[in-house]
PDB file of N, CA and C in Angstrom:
ATOM      1  N   MET A   1     -85.712  -2.299   1.115  1.00  0.00           N
ATOM      2  CA  MET A   1     -87.094  -2.591   1.431  1.00  0.00           C
ATOM      3  C   MET A   1     -87.825  -3.180   0.225  1.00  0.00           C
ATOM      4  N   ALA A   2     -87.578  -2.627  -0.949  1.00  0.00           N
ATOM      5  CA  ALA A   2     -88.219  -3.127  -2.163  1.00  0.00           C
ATOM      6  C   ALA A   2     -87.816  -4.574  -2.423  1.00  0.00           C
ATOM      7  N   LEU A   3     -86.575  -4.910  -2.116  1.00  0.00           N
ATOM      8  CA  LEU A   3     -86.097  -6.284  -2.298  1.00  0.00           C
ATOM      9  C   LEU A   3     -86.853  -7.240  -1.382  1.00  0.00           C
ATOM     10  N   LEU A   4     -87.090  -6.851  -0.141  1.00  0.00           N
ATOM     11  CA  LEU A   4     -87.831  -7.690   0.795  1.00  0.00           C
ATOM     12  C   LEU A   4     -89.267  -7.902   0.333  1.00  0.00           C
ATOM     13  N   ILE A   5     -89.874  -6.860  -0.183  1.00  0.00           N
ATOM     14  CA  ILE A   5     -91.246  -6.975  -0.681  1.00  0.00           C
ATOM     15  C   ILE A   5     -91.278  -7.920  -1.881  1.00  0.00           C
ATOM     16  N   ALA A   6     -90.330  -7.774  -2.779  1.00  0.00           N
ATOM     17  CA  ALA A   6     -90.279  -8.642  -3.961  1.00  0.00           C
ATOM     18  C   ALA A   6     -90.084 -10.099  -3.550  1.00  0.00           C
ATOM     19  N   LEU A   7     -89.235 -10.340  -2.560  1.00  0.00           N
ATOM     20  CA  LEU A   7     -89.021 -11.699  -2.078  1.00  0.00           C
ATOM     21  C   LEU A   7     -90.279 -12.261  -1.436  1.00  0.00           C
ATOM     22  N   ALA A   8     -90.967 -11.452  -0.633  1.00  0.00           N
ATOM     23  CA  ALA A   8     -92.186 -11.894   0.023  1.00  0.00           C
ATOM     24  C   ALA A   8     -93.267 -12.226  -0.999  1.00  0.00           C
ATOM     25  N   VAL A   9     -93.416 -11.385  -2.009  1.00  0.00           N
ATOM     26  CA  VAL A   9     -94.401 -11.639  -3.054  1.00  0.00           C
ATOM     27  C   VAL A   9     -94.036 -12.920  -3.795  1.00  0.00           C
ATOM     28  N   GLY A  10     -92.763 -13.109  -4.076  1.00  0.00           N
ATOM     29  CA  GLY A  10     -92.312 -14.325  -4.754  1.00  0.00           C
ATOM     30  C   GLY A  10     -92.621 -15.568  -3.955  1.00  0.00           C
ATOM     31  N   LEU A  11     -92.478 -15.502  -2.650  1.00  0.00           N
ATOM     32  CA  LEU A  11     -92.779 -16.652  -1.794  1.00  0.00           C
ATOM     33  C   LEU A  11     -94.274 -16.931  -1.749  1.00  0.00           C
ATOM     34  N   LEU A  12     -95.073 -15.887  -1.731  1.00  0.00           N
ATOM     35  CA  LEU A  12     -96.515 -16.064  -1.671  1.00  0.00           C
ATOM     36  C   LEU A  12     -97.077 -16.585  -2.988  1.00  0.00           C
ATOM     37  N   VAL A  13     -96.577 -16.043  -4.085  1.00  0.00           N
ATOM     38  CA  VAL A  13     -97.074 -16.420  -5.399  1.00  0.00           C
ATOM     39  C   VAL A  13     -96.476 -17.750  -5.828  1.00  0.00           C
ATOM     40  N   GLY A  14     -95.272 -18.016  -5.410  1.00  0.00           N
ATOM     41  CA  GLY A  14     -94.573 -19.239  -5.818  1.00  0.00           C
ATOM     42  C   GLY A  14     -93.490 -18.898  -6.800  1.00  0.00           C
ATOM     43  N   ALA A  15     -92.322 -19.289  -6.480  1.00  0.00           N
ATOM     44  CA  ALA A  15     -91.195 -19.002  -7.356  1.00  0.00           C
ATOM     45  C   ALA A  15     -91.261 -19.899  -8.589  1.00  0.00           C
ATOM     46  N   ALA A  16     -90.916 -19.343  -9.706  1.00  0.00           N
ATOM     47  CA  ALA A  16     -90.872 -20.113 -10.944  1.00  0.00           C
ATOM     48  C   ALA A  16     -89.684 -21.056 -10.898  1.00  0.00           C
ATOM     49  N   PRO A  17     -89.792 -22.198 -11.570  1.00  0.00           N
ATOM     50  CA  PRO A  17     -88.661 -23.112 -11.597  1.00  0.00           C
ATOM     51  C   PRO A  17     -87.466 -22.475 -12.289  1.00  0.00           C
ATOM     52  N   ALA A  18     -86.302 -22.887 -11.887  1.00  0.00           N
ATOM     53  CA  ALA A  18     -85.086 -22.363 -12.506  1.00  0.00           C
ATOM     54  C   ALA A  18     -85.118 -22.703 -13.988  1.00  0.00           C
ATOM     55  N   PRO A  19     -84.944 -21.717 -14.833  1.00  0.00           N
ATOM     56  CA  PRO A  19     -85.022 -21.984 -16.260  1.00  0.00           C
ATOM     57  C   PRO A  19     -83.814 -22.771 -16.747  1.00  0.00           C
ATOM     58  N   ALA A  20     -84.060 -23.607 -17.714  1.00  0.00           N
ATOM     59  CA  ALA A  20     -82.974 -24.365 -18.326  1.00  0.00           C
ATOM     60  C   ALA A  20     -82.617 -23.718 -19.664  1.00  0.00           C
ATOM     61  N   ALA A  21     -82.969 -22.441 -19.799  1.00  0.00           N
ATOM     62  CA  ALA A  21     -82.773 -21.731 -21.058  1.00  0.00           C
ATOM     63  C   ALA A  21     -81.317 -21.765 -21.485  1.00  0.00           C
ATOM     64  N   GLY A  22     -81.148 -21.896 -22.769  1.00  0.00           N
ATOM     65  CA  GLY A  22     -79.807 -21.860 -23.324  1.00  0.00           C
ATOM     66  C   GLY A  22     -79.140 -23.214 -23.396  1.00  0.00           C
ATOM     67  N   LEU A  23     -79.700 -24.231 -22.761  1.00  0.00           N
ATOM     68  CA  LEU A  23     -79.108 -25.559 -22.819  1.00  0.00           C
ATOM     69  C   LEU A  23     -79.884 -26.417 -23.812  1.00  0.00           C
ATOM     70  N   SER A  24     -79.170 -27.212 -24.565  1.00  0.00           N
ATOM     71  CA  SER A  24     -79.818 -28.095 -25.533  1.00  0.00           C
ATOM     72  C   SER A  24     -80.402 -29.310 -24.828  1.00  0.00           C
ATOM     73  N   GLY A  25     -81.243 -30.025 -25.540  1.00  0.00           N
ATOM     74  CA  GLY A  25     -81.789 -31.262 -25.005  1.00  0.00           C
ATOM     75  C   GLY A  25     -80.690 -32.249 -24.649  1.00  0.00           C
ATOM     76  N   ALA A  26     -79.653 -32.312 -25.470  1.00  0.00           N
ATOM     77  CA  ALA A  26     -78.526 -33.215 -25.201  1.00  0.00           C
ATOM     78  C   ALA A  26     -77.803 -32.825 -23.913  1.00  0.00           C
ATOM     79  N   GLU A  27     -77.604 -31.525 -23.708  1.00  0.00           N
ATOM     80  CA  GLU A  27     -76.929 -31.058 -22.489  1.00  0.00           C
ATOM     81  C   GLU A  27     -77.773 -31.324 -21.253  1.00  0.00           C
ATOM     82  N   LEU A  28     -79.072 -31.053 -21.354  1.00  0.00           N
ATOM     83  CA  LEU A  28     -79.963 -31.301 -20.225  1.00  0.00           C
ATOM     84  C   LEU A  28     -80.045 -32.790 -19.915  1.00  0.00           C
ATOM     85  N   PHE A  29     -80.110 -33.616 -20.953  1.00  0.00           N
ATOM     86  CA  PHE A  29     -80.130 -35.057 -20.751  1.00  0.00           C
ATOM     87  C   PHE A  29     -78.850 -35.496 -20.049  1.00  0.00           C
ATOM     88  N   SER A  30     -77.738 -34.995 -20.504  1.00  0.00           N
ATOM     89  CA  SER A  30     -76.452 -35.338 -19.887  1.00  0.00           C
ATOM     90  C   SER A  30     -76.407 -34.920 -18.420  1.00  0.00           C
ATOM     91  N   ASN A  31     -76.948 -33.753 -18.113  1.00  0.00           N
ATOM     92  CA  ASN A  31     -76.919 -33.222 -16.749  1.00  0.00           C
ATOM     93  C   ASN A  31     -77.899 -33.911 -15.799  1.00  0.00           C
ATOM     94  N   HIS A  32     -79.066 -34.319 -16.303  1.00  0.00           N
ATOM     95  CA  HIS A  32     -80.126 -34.764 -15.405  1.00  0.00           C
ATOM     96  C   HIS A  32     -80.614 -36.197 -15.624  1.00  0.00           C
ATOM     97  N   CYS A  33     -80.307 -36.796 -16.749  1.00  0.00           N
ATOM     98  CA  CYS A  33     -80.901 -38.096 -17.082  1.00  0.00           C
ATOM     99  C   CYS A  33     -79.879 -39.210 -17.289  1.00  0.00           C
ATOM    100  N   ALA A  34     -78.722 -38.847 -17.815  1.00  0.00           N
ATOM    101  CA  ALA A  34     -77.737 -39.858 -18.216  1.00  0.00           C
ATOM    102  C   ALA A  34     -77.202 -40.672 -17.046  1.00  0.00           C
ATOM    103  N   GLY A  35     -77.308 -40.175 -15.835  1.00  0.00           N
ATOM    104  CA  GLY A  35     -76.857 -40.940 -14.683  1.00  0.00           C
ATOM    105  C   GLY A  35     -77.563 -42.282 -14.572  1.00  0.00           C
ATOM    106  N   CYS A  36     -78.819 -42.326 -14.922  1.00  0.00           N
ATOM    107  CA  CYS A  36     -79.588 -43.580 -14.906  1.00  0.00           C
ATOM    108  C   CYS A  36     -79.799 -44.142 -16.308  1.00  0.00           C
ATOM    109  N   HIS A  37     -79.847 -43.265 -17.309  1.00  0.00           N
ATOM    110  CA  HIS A  37     -80.179 -43.687 -18.675  1.00  0.00           C
ATOM    111  C   HIS A  37     -78.974 -43.558 -19.610  1.00  0.00           C
ATOM    112  N   VAL A  38     -77.865 -44.146 -19.247  1.00  0.00           N
ATOM    113  CA  VAL A  38     -76.652 -44.101 -20.073  1.00  0.00           C
ATOM    114  C   VAL A  38     -76.949 -44.729 -21.437  1.00  0.00           C
ATOM    115  N   ASN A  39     -76.652 -43.985 -22.500  1.00  0.00           N
ATOM    116  CA  ASN A  39     -76.892 -44.447 -23.874  1.00  0.00           C
ATOM    117  C   ASN A  39     -78.306 -45.002 -24.071  1.00  0.00           C
ATOM    118  N   GLY A  40     -79.282 -44.424 -23.388  1.00  0.00           N
ATOM    119  CA  GLY A  40     -80.671 -44.842 -23.543  1.00  0.00           C
ATOM    120  C   GLY A  40     -81.059 -46.063 -22.729  1.00  0.00           C
ATOM    121  N   GLY A  41     -80.131 -46.603 -21.964  1.00  0.00           N
ATOM    122  CA  GLY A  41     -80.432 -47.770 -21.128  1.00  0.00           C
ATOM    123  C   GLY A  41     -81.080 -47.349 -19.828  1.00  0.00           C
ATOM    124  N   ASN A  42     -81.008 -48.211 -18.840  1.00  0.00           N
ATOM    125  CA  ASN A  42     -81.536 -47.896 -17.516  1.00  0.00           C
ATOM    126  C   ASN A  42     -80.779 -48.749 -16.509  1.00  0.00           C
ATOM    127  N   ILE A  43     -80.010 -48.100 -15.644  1.00  0.00           N
ATOM    128  CA  ILE A  43     -79.207 -48.848 -14.680  1.00  0.00           C
ATOM    129  C   ILE A  43     -80.023 -49.321 -13.484  1.00  0.00           C
ATOM    130  N   ILE A  44     -81.237 -48.807 -13.311  1.00  0.00           N
ATOM    131  CA  ILE A  44     -82.091 -49.182 -12.187  1.00  0.00           C
ATOM    132  C   ILE A  44     -83.021 -50.341 -12.580  1.00  0.00           C
ATOM    133  N   ARG A  45     -83.734 -50.172 -13.691  1.00  0.00           N
ATOM    134  CA  ARG A  45     -84.688 -51.190 -14.166  1.00  0.00           C
ATOM    135  C   ARG A  45     -84.435 -51.432 -15.649  1.00  0.00           C
ATOM    136  N   ARG A  46     -83.867 -52.581 -15.960  1.00  0.00           N
ATOM    137  CA  ARG A  46     -83.450 -52.890 -17.335  1.00  0.00           C
ATOM    138  C   ARG A  46     -84.557 -52.742 -18.373  1.00  0.00           C
ATOM    139  N   GLY A  47     -85.772 -53.086 -18.035  1.00  0.00           N
ATOM    140  CA  GLY A  47     -86.863 -53.017 -19.004  1.00  0.00           C
ATOM    141  C   GLY A  47     -87.397 -51.621 -19.256  1.00  0.00           C
ATOM    142  N   GLN A  48     -86.992 -50.665 -18.462  1.00  0.00           N
ATOM    143  CA  GLN A  48     -87.495 -49.296 -18.574  1.00  0.00           C
ATOM    144  C   GLN A  48     -86.472 -48.413 -19.294  1.00  0.00           C
ATOM    145  N   THR A  49     -86.045 -48.848 -20.457  1.00  0.00           N
ATOM    146  CA  THR A  49     -85.038 -48.093 -21.193  1.00  0.00           C
ATOM    147  C   THR A  49     -85.690 -47.024 -22.057  1.00  0.00           C
ATOM    148  N   LEU A  50     -84.847 -46.282 -22.728  1.00  0.00           N
ATOM    149  CA  LEU A  50     -85.306 -45.259 -23.664  1.00  0.00           C
ATOM    150  C   LEU A  50     -85.078 -45.708 -25.104  1.00  0.00           C
ATOM    151  N   LYS A  51     -84.926 -46.994 -25.291  1.00  0.00           N
ATOM    152  CA  LYS A  51     -84.786 -47.574 -26.632  1.00  0.00           C
ATOM    153  C   LYS A  51     -86.167 -47.567 -27.282  1.00  0.00           C
ATOM    154  N   LEU A  52     -86.199 -47.475 -28.593  1.00  0.00           N
ATOM    155  CA  LEU A  52     -87.462 -47.339 -29.318  1.00  0.00           C
ATOM    156  C   LEU A  52     -88.428 -48.489 -29.018  1.00  0.00           C
ATOM    157  N   ALA A  53     -87.949 -49.717 -29.020  1.00  0.00           N
ATOM    158  CA  ALA A  53     -88.832 -50.860 -28.773  1.00  0.00           C
ATOM    159  C   ALA A  53     -89.466 -50.783 -27.383  1.00  0.00           C
ATOM    160  N   ALA A  54     -88.684 -50.395 -26.392  1.00  0.00           N
ATOM    161  CA  ALA A  54     -89.212 -50.285 -25.025  1.00  0.00           C
ATOM    162  C   ALA A  54     -90.213 -49.141 -24.920  1.00  0.00           C
ATOM    163  N   LEU A  55     -89.920 -48.010 -25.548  1.00  0.00           N
ATOM    164  CA  LEU A  55     -90.855 -46.886 -25.523  1.00  0.00           C
ATOM    165  C   LEU A  55     -92.178 -47.293 -26.160  1.00  0.00           C
ATOM    166  N   GLU A  56     -92.107 -47.926 -27.325  1.00  0.00           N
ATOM    167  CA  GLU A  56     -93.328 -48.344 -28.015  1.00  0.00           C
ATOM    168  C   GLU A  56     -94.086 -49.390 -27.208  1.00  0.00           C
ATOM    169  N   ARG A  57     -93.381 -50.296 -26.554  1.00  0.00           N
ATOM    170  CA  ARG A  57     -94.017 -51.322 -25.727  1.00  0.00           C
ATOM    171  C   ARG A  57     -94.830 -50.686 -24.592  1.00  0.00           C
ATOM    172  N   HIS A  58     -94.392 -49.511 -24.147  1.00  0.00           N
ATOM    173  CA  HIS A  58     -95.084 -48.802 -23.065  1.00  0.00           C
ATOM    174  C   HIS A  58     -96.038 -47.734 -23.594  1.00  0.00           C
ATOM    175  N   GLY A  59     -96.357 -47.803 -24.900  1.00  0.00           N
ATOM    176  CA  GLY A  59     -97.348 -46.903 -25.482  1.00  0.00           C
ATOM    177  C   GLY A  59     -96.832 -45.510 -25.818  1.00  0.00           C
ATOM    178  N   ILE A  60     -95.536 -45.344 -25.859  1.00  0.00           N
ATOM    179  CA  ILE A  60     -94.970 -44.031 -26.180  1.00  0.00           C
ATOM    180  C   ILE A  60     -94.601 -44.035 -27.656  1.00  0.00           C
ATOM    181  N   ASP A  61     -95.250 -43.132 -28.413  1.00  0.00           N
ATOM    182  CA  ASP A  61     -95.032 -43.113 -29.852  1.00  0.00           C
ATOM    183  C   ASP A  61     -94.544 -41.752 -30.355  1.00  0.00           C
ATOM    184  N   GLY A  62     -93.972 -40.973 -29.466  1.00  0.00           N
ATOM    185  CA  GLY A  62     -93.436 -39.678 -29.874  1.00  0.00           C
ATOM    186  C   GLY A  62     -92.959 -38.885 -28.669  1.00  0.00           C
ATOM    187  N   PRO A  63     -92.437 -37.709 -28.920  1.00  0.00           N
ATOM    188  CA  PRO A  63     -91.900 -36.873 -27.845  1.00  0.00           C
ATOM    189  C   PRO A  63     -92.918 -36.502 -26.765  1.00  0.00           C
ATOM    190  N   ALA A  64     -94.199 -36.422 -27.111  1.00  0.00           N
ATOM    191  CA  ALA A  64     -95.204 -36.012 -26.115  1.00  0.00           C
ATOM    192  C   ALA A  64     -95.276 -36.992 -24.947  1.00  0.00           C
ATOM    193  N   GLY A  65     -95.196 -38.276 -25.232  1.00  0.00           N
ATOM    194  CA  GLY A  65     -95.215 -39.273 -24.161  1.00  0.00           C
ATOM    195  C   GLY A  65     -93.987 -39.183 -23.276  1.00  0.00           C
ATOM    196  N   ILE A  66     -92.863 -38.915 -23.890  1.00  0.00           N
ATOM    197  CA  ILE A  66     -91.612 -38.759 -23.136  1.00  0.00           C
ATOM    198  C   ILE A  66     -91.698 -37.509 -22.280  1.00  0.00           C
ATOM    199  N   LEU A  67     -92.266 -36.450 -22.840  1.00  0.00           N
ATOM    200  CA  LEU A  67     -92.428 -35.192 -22.116  1.00  0.00           C
ATOM    201  C   LEU A  67     -93.246 -35.395 -20.840  1.00  0.00           C
ATOM    202  N   GLU A  68     -94.342 -36.117 -20.936  1.00  0.00           N
ATOM    203  CA  GLU A  68     -95.180 -36.372 -19.757  1.00  0.00           C
ATOM    204  C   GLU A  68     -94.383 -37.046 -18.644  1.00  0.00           C
ATOM    205  N   ILE A  69     -93.594 -38.050 -19.008  1.00  0.00           N
ATOM    206  CA  ILE A  69     -92.814 -38.779 -18.007  1.00  0.00           C
ATOM    207  C   ILE A  69     -91.700 -37.902 -17.452  1.00  0.00           C
ATOM    208  N   ALA A  70     -91.042 -37.145 -18.318  1.00  0.00           N
ATOM    209  CA  ALA A  70     -89.962 -36.272 -17.858  1.00  0.00           C
ATOM    210  C   ALA A  70     -90.483 -35.242 -16.853  1.00  0.00           C
ATOM    211  N   VAL A  71     -91.662 -34.729 -17.084  1.00  0.00           N
ATOM    212  CA  VAL A  71     -92.223 -33.699 -16.212  1.00  0.00           C
ATOM    213  C   VAL A  71     -92.788 -34.282 -14.917  1.00  0.00           C
ATOM    214  N   ALA A  72     -93.619 -35.309 -15.033  1.00  0.00           N
ATOM    215  CA  ALA A  72     -94.344 -35.825 -13.868  1.00  0.00           C
ATOM    216  C   ALA A  72     -93.725 -37.068 -13.239  1.00  0.00           C
ATOM    217  N   GLY A  73     -92.892 -37.779 -14.004  1.00  0.00           N
ATOM    218  CA  GLY A  73     -92.320 -39.028 -13.519  1.00  0.00           C
ATOM    219  C   GLY A  73     -93.268 -40.187 -13.747  1.00  0.00           C
ATOM    220  N   ARG A  74     -92.757 -41.385 -13.476  1.00  0.00           N
ATOM    221  CA  ARG A  74     -93.569 -42.599 -13.600  1.00  0.00           C
ATOM    222  C   ARG A  74     -92.856 -43.712 -12.848  1.00  0.00           C
ATOM    223  N   GLY A  75     -93.598 -44.470 -12.090  1.00  0.00           N
ATOM    224  CA  GLY A  75     -92.998 -45.570 -11.341  1.00  0.00           C
ATOM    225  C   GLY A  75     -91.937 -45.060 -10.374  1.00  0.00           C
ATOM    226  N   GLN A  76     -90.752 -45.632 -10.449  1.00  0.00           N
ATOM    227  CA  GLN A  76     -89.662 -45.237  -9.556  1.00  0.00           C
ATOM    228  C   GLN A  76     -89.006 -43.922  -9.952  1.00  0.00           C
ATOM    229  N   MET A  77     -89.272 -43.461 -11.168  1.00  0.00           N
ATOM    230  CA  MET A  77     -88.635 -42.225 -11.637  1.00  0.00           C
ATOM    231  C   MET A  77     -89.429 -41.009 -11.186  1.00  0.00           C
ATOM    232  N   ALA A  78     -88.745 -40.105 -10.543  1.00  0.00           N
ATOM    233  CA  ALA A  78     -89.355 -38.843 -10.126  1.00  0.00           C
ATOM    234  C   ALA A  78     -89.505 -37.923 -11.332  1.00  0.00           C
ATOM    235  N   GLY A  79     -90.417 -36.979 -11.241  1.00  0.00           N
ATOM    236  CA  GLY A  79     -90.588 -35.983 -12.281  1.00  0.00           C
ATOM    237  C   GLY A  79     -89.514 -34.907 -12.191  1.00  0.00           C
ATOM    238  N   TYR A  80     -89.129 -34.393 -13.339  1.00  0.00           N
ATOM    239  CA  TYR A  80     -88.092 -33.371 -13.409  1.00  0.00           C
ATOM    240  C   TYR A  80     -88.615 -32.056 -13.968  1.00  0.00           C
ATOM    241  N   GLY A  81     -89.921 -31.872 -13.956  1.00  0.00           N
ATOM    242  CA  GLY A  81     -90.511 -30.661 -14.507  1.00  0.00           C
ATOM    243  C   GLY A  81     -89.981 -29.391 -13.877  1.00  0.00           C
ATOM    244  N   ALA A  82     -89.847 -29.373 -12.567  1.00  0.00           N
ATOM    245  CA  ALA A  82     -89.365 -28.177 -11.881  1.00  0.00           C
ATOM    246  C   ALA A  82     -87.902 -27.901 -12.194  1.00  0.00           C
ATOM    247  N   VAL A  83     -87.157 -28.940 -12.427  1.00  0.00           N
ATOM    248  CA  VAL A  83     -85.723 -28.783 -12.710  1.00  0.00           C
ATOM    249  C   VAL A  83     -85.506 -28.341 -14.153  1.00  0.00           C
ATOM    250  N   LEU A  84     -86.235 -28.961 -15.070  1.00  0.00           N
ATOM    251  CA  LEU A  84     -86.025 -28.695 -16.490  1.00  0.00           C
ATOM    252  C   LEU A  84     -86.743 -27.448 -16.985  1.00  0.00           C
ATOM    253  N   GLY A  85     -87.857 -27.102 -16.385  1.00  0.00           N
ATOM    254  CA  GLY A  85     -88.671 -26.011 -16.900  1.00  0.00           C
ATOM    255  C   GLY A  85     -89.391 -26.481 -18.158  1.00  0.00           C
ATOM    256  N   GLU A  86     -90.352 -25.715 -18.610  1.00  0.00           N
ATOM    257  CA  GLU A  86     -91.184 -26.136 -19.738  1.00  0.00           C
ATOM    258  C   GLU A  86     -90.371 -26.352 -21.009  1.00  0.00           C
ATOM    259  N   THR A  87     -89.561 -25.391 -21.385  1.00  0.00           N
ATOM    260  CA  THR A  87     -88.810 -25.535 -22.630  1.00  0.00           C
ATOM    261  C   THR A  87     -87.705 -26.577 -22.505  1.00  0.00           C
ATOM    262  N   GLY A  88     -87.151 -26.714 -21.310  1.00  0.00           N
ATOM    263  CA  GLY A  88     -86.112 -27.721 -21.102  1.00  0.00           C
ATOM    264  C   GLY A  88     -86.669 -29.125 -21.205  1.00  0.00           C
ATOM    265  N   ALA A  89     -87.838 -29.354 -20.629  1.00  0.00           N
ATOM    266  CA  ALA A  89     -88.465 -30.674 -20.701  1.00  0.00           C
ATOM    267  C   ALA A  89     -88.807 -31.023 -22.143  1.00  0.00           C
ATOM    268  N   GLU A  90     -89.294 -30.047 -22.896  1.00  0.00           N
ATOM    269  CA  GLU A  90     -89.591 -30.278 -24.314  1.00  0.00           C
ATOM    270  C   GLU A  90     -88.326 -30.607 -25.091  1.00  0.00           C
ATOM    271  N   ALA A  91     -87.238 -29.910 -24.785  1.00  0.00           N
ATOM    272  CA  ALA A  91     -85.967 -30.163 -25.466  1.00  0.00           C
ATOM    273  C   ALA A  91     -85.441 -31.562 -25.158  1.00  0.00           C
ATOM    274  N   VAL A  92     -85.555 -31.987 -23.911  1.00  0.00           N
ATOM    275  CA  VAL A  92     -85.109 -33.330 -23.523  1.00  0.00           C
ATOM    276  C   VAL A  92     -85.972 -34.380 -24.222  1.00  0.00           C
ATOM    277  N   ALA A  93     -87.288 -34.181 -24.238  1.00  0.00           N
ATOM    278  CA  ALA A  93     -88.186 -35.145 -24.883  1.00  0.00           C
ATOM    279  C   ALA A  93     -87.859 -35.286 -26.367  1.00  0.00           C
ATOM    280  N   ALA A  94     -87.631 -34.172 -27.039  1.00  0.00           N
ATOM    281  CA  ALA A  94     -87.285 -34.222 -28.462  1.00  0.00           C
ATOM    282  C   ALA A  94     -85.948 -34.929 -28.671  1.00  0.00           C
ATOM    283  N   TYR A  95     -84.973 -34.654 -27.800  1.00  0.00           N
ATOM    284  CA  TYR A  95     -83.669 -35.285 -27.900  1.00  0.00           C
ATOM    285  C   TYR A  95     -83.781 -36.795 -27.685  1.00  0.00           C
ATOM    286  N   VAL A  96     -84.514 -37.211 -26.665  1.00  0.00           N
ATOM    287  CA  VAL A  96     -84.661 -38.644 -26.367  1.00  0.00           C
ATOM    288  C   VAL A  96     -85.337 -39.350 -27.538  1.00  0.00           C
ATOM    289  N   TRP A  97     -86.391 -38.760 -28.091  1.00  0.00           N
ATOM    290  CA  TRP A  97     -87.088 -39.382 -29.213  1.00  0.00           C
ATOM    291  C   TRP A  97     -86.154 -39.497 -30.417  1.00  0.00           C
ATOM    292  N   GLN A  98     -85.406 -38.447 -30.696  1.00  0.00           N
ATOM    293  CA  GLN A  98     -84.467 -38.468 -31.826  1.00  0.00           C
ATOM    294  C   GLN A  98     -83.431 -39.578 -31.625  1.00  0.00           C
ATOM    295  N   GLN A  99     -82.893 -39.681 -30.424  1.00  0.00           N
ATOM    296  CA  GLN A  99     -81.882 -40.708 -30.147  1.00  0.00           C
ATOM    297  C   GLN A  99     -82.486 -42.107 -30.244  1.00  0.00           C
ATOM    298  N   ALA A 100     -83.719 -42.267 -29.795  1.00  0.00           N
ATOM    299  CA  ALA A 100     -84.388 -43.571 -29.878  1.00  0.00           C
ATOM    300  C   ALA A 100     -84.566 -43.977 -31.335  1.00  0.00           C
ATOM    301  N   LEU A 101     -84.956 -43.027 -32.182  1.00  0.00           N
ATOM    302  CA  LEU A 101     -85.109 -43.314 -33.594  1.00  0.00           C
ATOM    303  C   LEU A 101     -83.785 -43.703 -34.245  1.00  0.00           C
ATOM    304  N   LEU A 102     -82.691 -43.167 -33.738  1.00  0.00           N
ATOM    305  CA  LEU A 102     -81.352 -43.456 -34.262  1.00  0.00           C
ATOM    306  C   LEU A 102     -80.679 -44.621 -33.545  1.00  0.00           C
ATOM    307  N   ASP A 103     -81.413 -45.303 -32.670  1.00  0.00           N
ATOM    308  CA  ASP A 103     -80.915 -46.430 -31.875  1.00  0.00           C
ATOM    309  C   ASP A 103     -79.763 -46.014 -30.957  1.00  0.00           C
ATOM    310  N   TRP A 104     -79.869 -44.819 -30.407  1.00  0.00           N
ATOM    311  CA  TRP A 104     -78.902 -44.308 -29.434  1.00  0.00           C
ATOM    312  C   TRP A 104     -77.455 -44.486 -29.875  1.00  0.00           C
ATOM    313  N   PRO A 105     -77.071 -43.781 -30.939  1.00  0.00           N
ATOM    314  CA  PRO A 105     -75.672 -43.915 -31.391  1.00  0.00           C
ATOM    315  C   PRO A 105     -74.703 -43.387 -30.336  1.00  0.00           C
ATOM    316  N   ARG A 106     -73.617 -44.062 -30.192  1.00  0.00           N
ATOM    317  CA  ARG A 106     -72.589 -43.611 -29.245  1.00  0.00           C
ATOM    318  C   ARG A 106     -71.684 -42.642 -29.969  1.00  0.00           C
ATOM    319  N   GLY A 107     -71.347 -41.566 -29.288  1.00  0.00           N
ATOM    320  CA  GLY A 107     -70.509 -40.618 -29.999  1.00  0.00           C
ATOM    321  C   GLY A 107     -70.121 -39.513 -29.207  1.00  0.00           C
TER     322      GLY A 107
END
């Protein structure tokens, strides 16, 4: 009975997104982003890459801008906030910015 009550309360209040705890930004990027953004590119829209020049051209000058897009999405890209969770989205944004600064080294 207690389990049913807990489930009902969870449904009414809203379940928290599945945490991405324990995974690095690189792992989360590999799991959720690399399908479209292989090595910082973009297989859907060539101009919408994660390369430093493209990010800067779109007004992104640090991880915070990447975080906004990762969470809410932009254009054809859906937001991944619910999938990544707060700390996961921050980890992905930091990883993407670091890779952009390093010109997306392959390795």
